[in-house]
Amino acid sequence: MQPMKSTFKQLLVATLAGALLTLGQVQAAEPGKSVGRLYKWKDENGKVHYGDKIPPQYAKQERKVLNDQGVEVKTLEAAKTPEQLAEEERLAEQRREQERVAAERAAHDRMLLATFSTEDDMVMTRDGKIAAIDGILRVTRGRIDKLEETLSGLTRRAAELERAGKPIPDSLHEEILGARGQVQRYLDYIATKRREQEGIRAQFEVDIRRFRELRAAQLEPPRP
């Protein structure tokens, strides 16, 4: 087994020496011309080749760059497959998203510390925002009450006309439909503002917890 390894090593050295000798002869024949790079690559059978030019069919696979002494100084990676490129882009996008989230969180942390001094400040701000929406909802509810009163009168008129066997004017139909539509829009608006209030409560709950963490970190003694 040992003699075989020795023979293989001798062949490899001889091949490399032959490649270097050829390049040296070219350089000697053309004074002043640089030898350029010497490459090492494998063919489809795993056989190692050396030369100053790589055949086109091997140009996209991994190859080595050698210096004038035959020492490997650089590895040129094989061309990536579409799947590898897609995976690299996916990972890069994942990193960009993580960096974006981290930057947004850091900015939010700075805002919390710059805006609020205590948790009580945060609670007061939260309650103030919710109370402001409550005021808007009361006004909206009052408008709905007036519209429903108007709608009640319109529907009574329509019912009276029907009982009298008279046709209901198109204008009355349009007024009834318009009033009903406006009532529904106000109801939808109220539902939206209620969800906004719930969002405020949920966000402040998260912010208050985070504020506690940030304050605790500020109060921690510096590490030796």
C-alpha atoms as a PDB file:
ATOM      1  CA  MET A   1       0.000   0.000   0.000  1.00  0.00           C
ATOM      2  CA  GLN A   2       2.812   2.409   0.930  1.00  0.00           C
ATOM      3  CA  PRO A   3       4.727   1.983  -2.391  1.00  0.00           C
ATOM      4  CA  MET A   4       1.491   2.779  -4.305  1.00  0.00           C
ATOM      5  CA  LYS A   5       1.016   6.033  -2.412  1.00  0.00           C
ATOM      6  CA  SER A   6       4.645   6.957  -3.024  1.00  0.00           C
ATOM      7  CA  THR A   7       4.325   6.222  -6.766  1.00  0.00           C
ATOM      8  CA  PHE A   8       1.140   8.325  -7.003  1.00  0.00           C
ATOM      9  CA  LYS A   9       2.836  11.205  -5.212  1.00  0.00           C
ATOM     10  CA  GLN A  10       5.807  11.005  -7.552  1.00  0.00           C
ATOM     11  CA  LEU A  11       3.495  11.103 -10.590  1.00  0.00           C
ATOM     12  CA  LEU A  12       1.664  14.119  -9.201  1.00  0.00           C
ATOM     13  CA  VAL A  13       4.921  15.973  -8.564  1.00  0.00           C
ATOM     14  CA  ALA A  14       6.187  15.079 -12.008  1.00  0.00           C
ATOM     15  CA  THR A  15       2.979  16.337 -13.654  1.00  0.00           C
ATOM     16  CA  LEU A  16       3.145  19.626 -11.791  1.00  0.00           C
ATOM     17  CA  ALA A  17       6.848  20.003 -12.537  1.00  0.00           C
ATOM     18  CA  GLY A  18       6.162  19.387 -16.220  1.00  0.00           C
ATOM     19  CA  ALA A  19       3.474  22.083 -16.268  1.00  0.00           C
ATOM     20  CA  LEU A  20       5.785  24.565 -14.558  1.00  0.00           C
ATOM     21  CA  LEU A  21       8.628  23.666 -16.938  1.00  0.00           C
ATOM     22  CA  THR A  22       6.418  24.270 -19.950  1.00  0.00           C
ATOM     23  CA  LEU A  23       5.403  27.669 -18.644  1.00  0.00           C
ATOM     24  CA  GLY A  24       9.040  28.481 -17.922  1.00  0.00           C
ATOM     25  CA  GLN A  25       9.965  27.621 -21.487  1.00  0.00           C
ATOM     26  CA  VAL A  26       7.197  29.830 -22.832  1.00  0.00           C
ATOM     27  CA  GLN A  27       8.446  32.682 -20.685  1.00  0.00           C
ATOM     28  CA  ALA A  28      12.003  32.135 -21.860  1.00  0.00           C
ATOM     29  CA  ALA A  29      10.911  32.083 -25.494  1.00  0.00           C
ATOM     30  CA  GLU A  30       9.022  35.336 -25.051  1.00  0.00           C
ATOM     31  CA  PRO A  31      11.156  37.627 -22.856  1.00  0.00           C
ATOM     32  CA  GLY A  32       9.245  40.188 -20.849  1.00  0.00           C
ATOM     33  CA  LYS A  33       5.963  38.311 -21.095  1.00  0.00           C
ATOM     34  CA  SER A  34       4.360  37.273 -17.789  1.00  0.00           C
ATOM     35  CA  VAL A  35       3.572  33.620 -17.312  1.00  0.00           C
ATOM     36  CA  GLY A  36       0.191  34.488 -15.808  1.00  0.00           C
ATOM     37  CA  ARG A  37      -1.797  32.204 -13.598  1.00  0.00           C
ATOM     38  CA  LEU A  38      -1.400  28.472 -13.320  1.00  0.00           C
ATOM     39  CA  TYR A  39      -4.612  26.603 -12.643  1.00  0.00           C
ATOM     40  CA  LYS A  40      -5.384  23.202 -11.205  1.00  0.00           C
ATOM     41  CA  TRP A  41      -8.703  21.461 -11.842  1.00  0.00           C
ATOM     42  CA  LYS A  42     -10.298  18.048 -12.072  1.00  0.00           C
ATOM     43  CA  ASP A  43     -12.092  16.535 -15.006  1.00  0.00           C
ATOM     44  CA  GLU A  44     -15.316  14.535 -14.875  1.00  0.00           C
ATOM     45  CA  ASN A  45     -13.332  11.416 -13.910  1.00  0.00           C
ATOM     46  CA  GLY A  46     -11.615  13.104 -10.998  1.00  0.00           C
ATOM     47  CA  LYS A  47      -8.253  13.353 -12.761  1.00  0.00           C
ATOM     48  CA  VAL A  48      -6.184  16.415 -11.813  1.00  0.00           C
ATOM     49  CA  HIS A  49      -4.987  18.768 -14.577  1.00  0.00           C
ATOM     50  CA  TYR A  50      -2.703  21.795 -14.616  1.00  0.00           C
ATOM     51  CA  GLY A  51      -2.432  24.609 -17.115  1.00  0.00           C
ATOM     52  CA  ASP A  52      -2.478  28.328 -17.730  1.00  0.00           C
ATOM     53  CA  LYS A  53      -5.907  28.066 -19.337  1.00  0.00           C
ATOM     54  CA  ILE A  54      -8.956  26.131 -18.180  1.00  0.00           C
ATOM     55  CA  PRO A  55     -10.983  24.360 -20.860  1.00  0.00           C
ATOM     56  CA  PRO A  56     -14.456  25.927 -21.221  1.00  0.00           C
ATOM     57  CA  GLN A  57     -16.238  22.792 -19.962  1.00  0.00           C
ATOM     58  CA  TYR A  58     -14.417  23.105 -16.611  1.00  0.00           C
ATOM     59  CA  ALA A  59     -14.523  26.898 -16.276  1.00  0.00           C
ATOM     60  CA  LYS A  60     -17.536  26.900 -13.968  1.00  0.00           C
ATOM     61  CA  GLN A  61     -16.392  24.251 -11.516  1.00  0.00           C
ATOM     62  CA  GLU A  62     -14.107  24.728  -8.528  1.00  0.00           C
ATOM     63  CA  ARG A  63     -10.455  25.298  -9.497  1.00  0.00           C
ATOM     64  CA  LYS A  64      -7.229  26.255  -7.755  1.00  0.00           C
ATOM     65  CA  VAL A  65      -4.778  29.039  -8.554  1.00  0.00           C
ATOM     66  CA  LEU A  66      -1.096  28.183  -8.091  1.00  0.00           C
ATOM     67  CA  ASN A  67       1.920  30.440  -7.810  1.00  0.00           C
ATOM     68  CA  ASP A  68       5.188  29.942  -9.696  1.00  0.00           C
ATOM     69  CA  GLN A  69       6.292  27.392  -7.093  1.00  0.00           C
ATOM     70  CA  GLY A  70       3.149  25.324  -7.565  1.00  0.00           C
ATOM     71  CA  VAL A  71       1.679  26.300  -4.215  1.00  0.00           C
ATOM     72  CA  GLU A  72      -2.099  26.808  -4.057  1.00  0.00           C
ATOM     73  CA  VAL A  73      -2.750  30.480  -3.312  1.00  0.00           C
ATOM     74  CA  LYS A  74      -6.436  30.803  -4.104  1.00  0.00           C
ATOM     75  CA  THR A  75      -9.565  28.746  -4.676  1.00  0.00           C
ATOM     76  CA  LEU A  76     -12.064  29.848  -7.301  1.00  0.00           C
ATOM     77  CA  GLU A  77     -15.444  28.515  -6.269  1.00  0.00           C
ATOM     78  CA  ALA A  78     -17.683  26.624  -8.606  1.00  0.00           C
ATOM     79  CA  ALA A  79     -20.561  28.529 -10.188  1.00  0.00           C
ATOM     80  CA  LYS A  80     -23.657  28.307  -8.022  1.00  0.00           C
ATOM     81  CA  THR A  81     -26.777  26.497  -9.182  1.00  0.00           C
ATOM     82  CA  PRO A  82     -30.086  28.377  -9.476  1.00  0.00           C
ATOM     83  CA  GLU A  83     -31.235  26.577  -6.329  1.00  0.00           C
ATOM     84  CA  GLN A  84     -28.149  27.713  -4.397  1.00  0.00           C
ATOM     85  CA  LEU A  85     -28.586  31.289  -5.602  1.00  0.00           C
ATOM     86  CA  ALA A  86     -32.260  31.230  -4.606  1.00  0.00           C
ATOM     87  CA  GLU A  87     -31.389  29.916  -1.137  1.00  0.00           C
ATOM     88  CA  GLU A  88     -28.719  32.596  -0.693  1.00  0.00           C
ATOM     89  CA  GLU A  89     -31.249  35.269  -1.650  1.00  0.00           C
ATOM     90  CA  ARG A  90     -33.801  33.809   0.775  1.00  0.00           C
ATOM     91  CA  LEU A  91     -31.283  33.884   3.617  1.00  0.00           C
ATOM     92  CA  ALA A  92     -30.202  37.404   2.692  1.00  0.00           C
ATOM     93  CA  GLU A  93     -33.818  38.565   2.710  1.00  0.00           C
ATOM     94  CA  GLN A  94     -34.304  36.870   6.085  1.00  0.00           C
ATOM     95  CA  ARG A  95     -31.289  38.736   7.478  1.00  0.00           C
ATOM     96  CA  ARG A  96     -32.552  42.037   6.078  1.00  0.00           C
ATOM     97  CA  GLU A  97     -35.940  41.475   7.698  1.00  0.00           C
ATOM     98  CA  GLN A  98     -34.337  40.617  11.039  1.00  0.00           C
ATOM     99  CA  GLU A  99     -32.201  43.757  10.845  1.00  0.00           C
ATOM    100  CA  ARG A 100     -35.269  45.851   9.984  1.00  0.00           C
ATOM    101  CA  VAL A 101     -37.227  44.459  12.946  1.00  0.00           C
ATOM    102  CA  ALA A 102     -34.275  45.023  15.275  1.00  0.00           C
ATOM    103  CA  ALA A 103     -33.878  48.614  14.068  1.00  0.00           C
ATOM    104  CA  GLU A 104     -37.591  49.322  14.526  1.00  0.00           C
ATOM    105  CA  ARG A 105     -37.524  47.869  18.040  1.00  0.00           C
ATOM    106  CA  ALA A 106     -34.473  49.934  18.975  1.00  0.00           C
ATOM    107  CA  ALA A 107     -36.166  53.087  17.673  1.00  0.00           C
ATOM    108  CA  HIS A 108     -39.330  52.244  19.620  1.00  0.00           C
ATOM    109  CA  ASP A 109     -37.306  51.664  22.785  1.00  0.00           C
ATOM    110  CA  ARG A 110     -35.685  55.085  22.412  1.00  0.00           C
ATOM    111  CA  MET A 111     -39.101  56.655  21.903  1.00  0.00           C
ATOM    112  CA  LEU A 112     -40.489  55.046  25.068  1.00  0.00           C
ATOM    113  CA  LEU A 113     -37.618  56.273  27.222  1.00  0.00           C
ATOM    114  CA  ALA A 114     -37.695  59.749  25.701  1.00  0.00           C
ATOM    115  CA  THR A 115     -41.494  60.138  25.983  1.00  0.00           C
ATOM    116  CA  PHE A 116     -42.319  58.629  29.372  1.00  0.00           C
ATOM    117  CA  SER A 117     -40.699  59.038  32.770  1.00  0.00           C
ATOM    118  CA  THR A 118     -42.830  56.541  34.709  1.00  0.00           C
ATOM    119  CA  GLU A 119     -45.417  53.841  34.166  1.00  0.00           C
ATOM    120  CA  ASP A 120     -48.042  56.233  35.526  1.00  0.00           C
ATOM    121  CA  ASP A 121     -47.293  58.558  32.614  1.00  0.00           C
ATOM    122  CA  MET A 122     -47.989  55.721  30.227  1.00  0.00           C
ATOM    123  CA  VAL A 123     -51.239  54.751  31.947  1.00  0.00           C
ATOM    124  CA  MET A 124     -52.442  58.363  31.850  1.00  0.00           C
ATOM    125  CA  THR A 125     -51.600  58.642  28.152  1.00  0.00           C
ATOM    126  CA  ARG A 126     -53.379  55.369  27.393  1.00  0.00           C
ATOM    127  CA  ASP A 127     -56.498  56.366  29.324  1.00  0.00           C
ATOM    128  CA  GLY A 128     -56.508  59.784  27.672  1.00  0.00           C
ATOM    129  CA  LYS A 129     -56.490  58.263  24.191  1.00  0.00           C
ATOM    130  CA  ILE A 130     -59.285  55.852  25.076  1.00  0.00           C
ATOM    131  CA  ALA A 131     -61.340  58.659  26.630  1.00  0.00           C
ATOM    132  CA  ALA A 132     -60.909  60.790  23.504  1.00  0.00           C
ATOM    133  CA  ILE A 133     -62.348  57.987  21.389  1.00  0.00           C
ATOM    134  CA  ASP A 134     -65.199  57.564  23.881  1.00  0.00           C
ATOM    135  CA  GLY A 135     -66.059  61.219  23.270  1.00  0.00           C
ATOM    136  CA  ILE A 136     -66.136  60.657  19.508  1.00  0.00           C
ATOM    137  CA  LEU A 137     -68.347  57.612  19.994  1.00  0.00           C
ATOM    138  CA  ARG A 138     -70.845  59.574  22.090  1.00  0.00           C
ATOM    139  CA  VAL A 139     -71.155  62.185  19.350  1.00  0.00           C
ATOM    140  CA  THR A 140     -71.577  59.478  16.725  1.00  0.00           C
ATOM    141  CA  ARG A 141     -74.188  57.698  18.829  1.00  0.00           C
ATOM    142  CA  GLY A 142     -76.117  60.964  19.092  1.00  0.00           C
ATOM    143  CA  ARG A 143     -76.106  61.318  15.292  1.00  0.00           C
ATOM    144  CA  ILE A 144     -77.387  57.776  14.943  1.00  0.00           C
ATOM    145  CA  ASP A 145     -80.229  58.523  17.361  1.00  0.00           C
ATOM    146  CA  LYS A 146     -81.277  61.525  15.268  1.00  0.00           C
ATOM    147  CA  LEU A 147     -81.053  59.566  12.051  1.00  0.00           C
ATOM    148  CA  GLU A 148     -83.126  56.729  13.509  1.00  0.00           C
ATOM    149  CA  GLU A 149     -85.742  59.239  14.591  1.00  0.00           C
ATOM    150  CA  THR A 150     -85.824  60.669  11.062  1.00  0.00           C
ATOM    151  CA  LEU A 151     -85.946  57.172   9.599  1.00  0.00           C
ATOM    152  CA  SER A 152     -88.843  56.254  11.867  1.00  0.00           C
ATOM    153  CA  GLY A 153     -90.833  59.240  10.569  1.00  0.00           C
ATOM    154  CA  LEU A 154     -90.031  58.358   6.939  1.00  0.00           C
ATOM    155  CA  THR A 155     -91.107  54.753   7.344  1.00  0.00           C
ATOM    156  CA  ARG A 156     -94.353  55.874   9.023  1.00  0.00           C
ATOM    157  CA  ARG A 157     -95.153  58.096   6.049  1.00  0.00           C
ATOM    158  CA  ALA A 158     -94.476  55.222   3.671  1.00  0.00           C
ATOM    159  CA  ALA A 159     -96.700  52.900   5.704  1.00  0.00           C
ATOM    160  CA  GLU A 160     -99.520  55.447   5.734  1.00  0.00           C
ATOM    161  CA  LEU A 161     -99.333  55.800   1.952  1.00  0.00           C
ATOM    162  CA  GLU A 162     -99.441  52.035   1.534  1.00  0.00           C
ATOM    163  CA  ARG A 163    -102.483  51.746   3.800  1.00  0.00           C
ATOM    164  CA  ALA A 164    -104.182  54.467   1.791  1.00  0.00           C
ATOM    165  CA  GLY A 165    -103.440  52.573  -1.408  1.00  0.00           C
ATOM    166  CA  LYS A 166    -101.223  55.339  -2.697  1.00  0.00           C
ATOM    167  CA  PRO A 167     -97.856  54.809  -4.368  1.00  0.00           C
ATOM    168  CA  ILE A 168     -94.769  55.645  -2.402  1.00  0.00           C
ATOM    169  CA  PRO A 169     -92.790  58.384  -4.200  1.00  0.00           C
ATOM    170  CA  ASP A 170     -89.311  57.525  -5.410  1.00  0.00           C
ATOM    171  CA  SER A 171     -87.974  60.452  -3.420  1.00  0.00           C
ATOM    172  CA  LEU A 172     -89.350  58.925  -0.194  1.00  0.00           C
ATOM    173  CA  HIS A 173     -87.776  55.569  -1.080  1.00  0.00           C
ATOM    174  CA  GLU A 174     -84.435  57.301  -1.639  1.00  0.00           C
ATOM    175  CA  GLU A 175     -84.667  59.167   1.675  1.00  0.00           C
ATOM    176  CA  ILE A 176     -85.368  55.934   3.559  1.00  0.00           C
ATOM    177  CA  LEU A 177     -82.500  54.095   1.840  1.00  0.00           C
ATOM    178  CA  GLY A 178     -80.153  57.033   2.393  1.00  0.00           C
ATOM    179  CA  ALA A 179     -80.994  57.245   6.100  1.00  0.00           C
ATOM    180  CA  ARG A 180     -80.539  53.501   6.562  1.00  0.00           C
ATOM    181  CA  GLY A 181     -77.206  53.609   4.736  1.00  0.00           C
ATOM    182  CA  GLN A 182     -75.991  56.498   6.883  1.00  0.00           C
ATOM    183  CA  VAL A 183     -76.994  54.687  10.082  1.00  0.00           C
ATOM    184  CA  GLN A 184     -75.045  51.617   8.950  1.00  0.00           C
ATOM    185  CA  ARG A 185     -71.993  53.712   8.108  1.00  0.00           C
ATOM    186  CA  TYR A 186     -72.065  55.258  11.583  1.00  0.00           C
ATOM    187  CA  LEU A 187     -72.405  51.815  13.150  1.00  0.00           C
ATOM    188  CA  ASP A 188     -69.424  50.579  11.127  1.00  0.00           C
ATOM    189  CA  TYR A 189     -67.471  53.645  12.235  1.00  0.00           C
ATOM    190  CA  ILE A 190     -68.276  52.904  15.876  1.00  0.00           C
ATOM    191  CA  ALA A 191     -67.083  49.312  15.448  1.00  0.00           C
ATOM    192  CA  THR A 192     -63.841  50.573  13.907  1.00  0.00           C
ATOM    193  CA  LYS A 193     -63.226  52.989  16.790  1.00  0.00           C
ATOM    194  CA  ARG A 194     -63.945  50.240  19.322  1.00  0.00           C
ATOM    195  CA  ARG A 195     -61.276  48.094  17.659  1.00  0.00           C
ATOM    196  CA  GLU A 196     -58.948  51.069  17.773  1.00  0.00           C
ATOM    197  CA  GLN A 197     -59.488  51.318  21.518  1.00  0.00           C
ATOM    198  CA  GLU A 198     -58.691  47.631  21.937  1.00  0.00           C
ATOM    199  CA  GLY A 199     -55.553  48.120  19.864  1.00  0.00           C
ATOM    200  CA  ILE A 200     -54.473  50.995  22.107  1.00  0.00           C
ATOM    201  CA  ARG A 201     -54.981  48.878  25.225  1.00  0.00           C
ATOM    202  CA  ALA A 202     -53.033  45.965  23.736  1.00  0.00           C
ATOM    203  CA  GLN A 203     -50.175  48.160  22.494  1.00  0.00           C
ATOM    204  CA  PHE A 204     -49.813  49.956  25.813  1.00  0.00           C
ATOM    205  CA  GLU A 205     -49.809  46.636  27.643  1.00  0.00           C
ATOM    206  CA  VAL A 206     -46.829  45.564  25.536  1.00  0.00           C
ATOM    207  CA  ASP A 207     -45.158  48.978  25.848  1.00  0.00           C
ATOM    208  CA  ILE A 208     -45.528  49.066  29.635  1.00  0.00           C
ATOM    209  CA  ARG A 209     -43.874  45.648  29.939  1.00  0.00           C
ATOM    210  CA  ARG A 210     -41.059  46.776  27.675  1.00  0.00           C
ATOM    211  CA  PHE A 211     -40.705  50.051  29.599  1.00  0.00           C
ATOM    212  CA  ARG A 212     -40.219  48.059  32.806  1.00  0.00           C
ATOM    213  CA  GLU A 213     -37.490  45.977  31.153  1.00  0.00           C
ATOM    214  CA  LEU A 214     -35.685  49.053  29.854  1.00  0.00           C
ATOM    215  CA  ARG A 215     -35.890  50.805  33.209  1.00  0.00           C
ATOM    216  CA  ALA A 216     -34.627  47.708  35.011  1.00  0.00           C
ATOM    217  CA  ALA A 217     -31.693  47.503  32.594  1.00  0.00           C
ATOM    218  CA  GLN A 218     -30.845  51.145  33.276  1.00  0.00           C
ATOM    219  CA  LEU A 219     -30.855  50.535  37.036  1.00  0.00           C
ATOM    220  CA  GLU A 220     -28.606  47.479  36.846  1.00  0.00           C
ATOM    221  CA  PRO A 221     -25.122  48.168  38.241  1.00  0.00           C
ATOM    222  CA  PRO A 222     -22.378  48.170  35.615  1.00  0.00           C
ATOM    223  CA  ARG A 223     -20.551  44.892  35.254  1.00  0.00           C
ATOM    224  CA  PRO A 224     -16.933  44.872  36.397  1.00  0.00           C
END
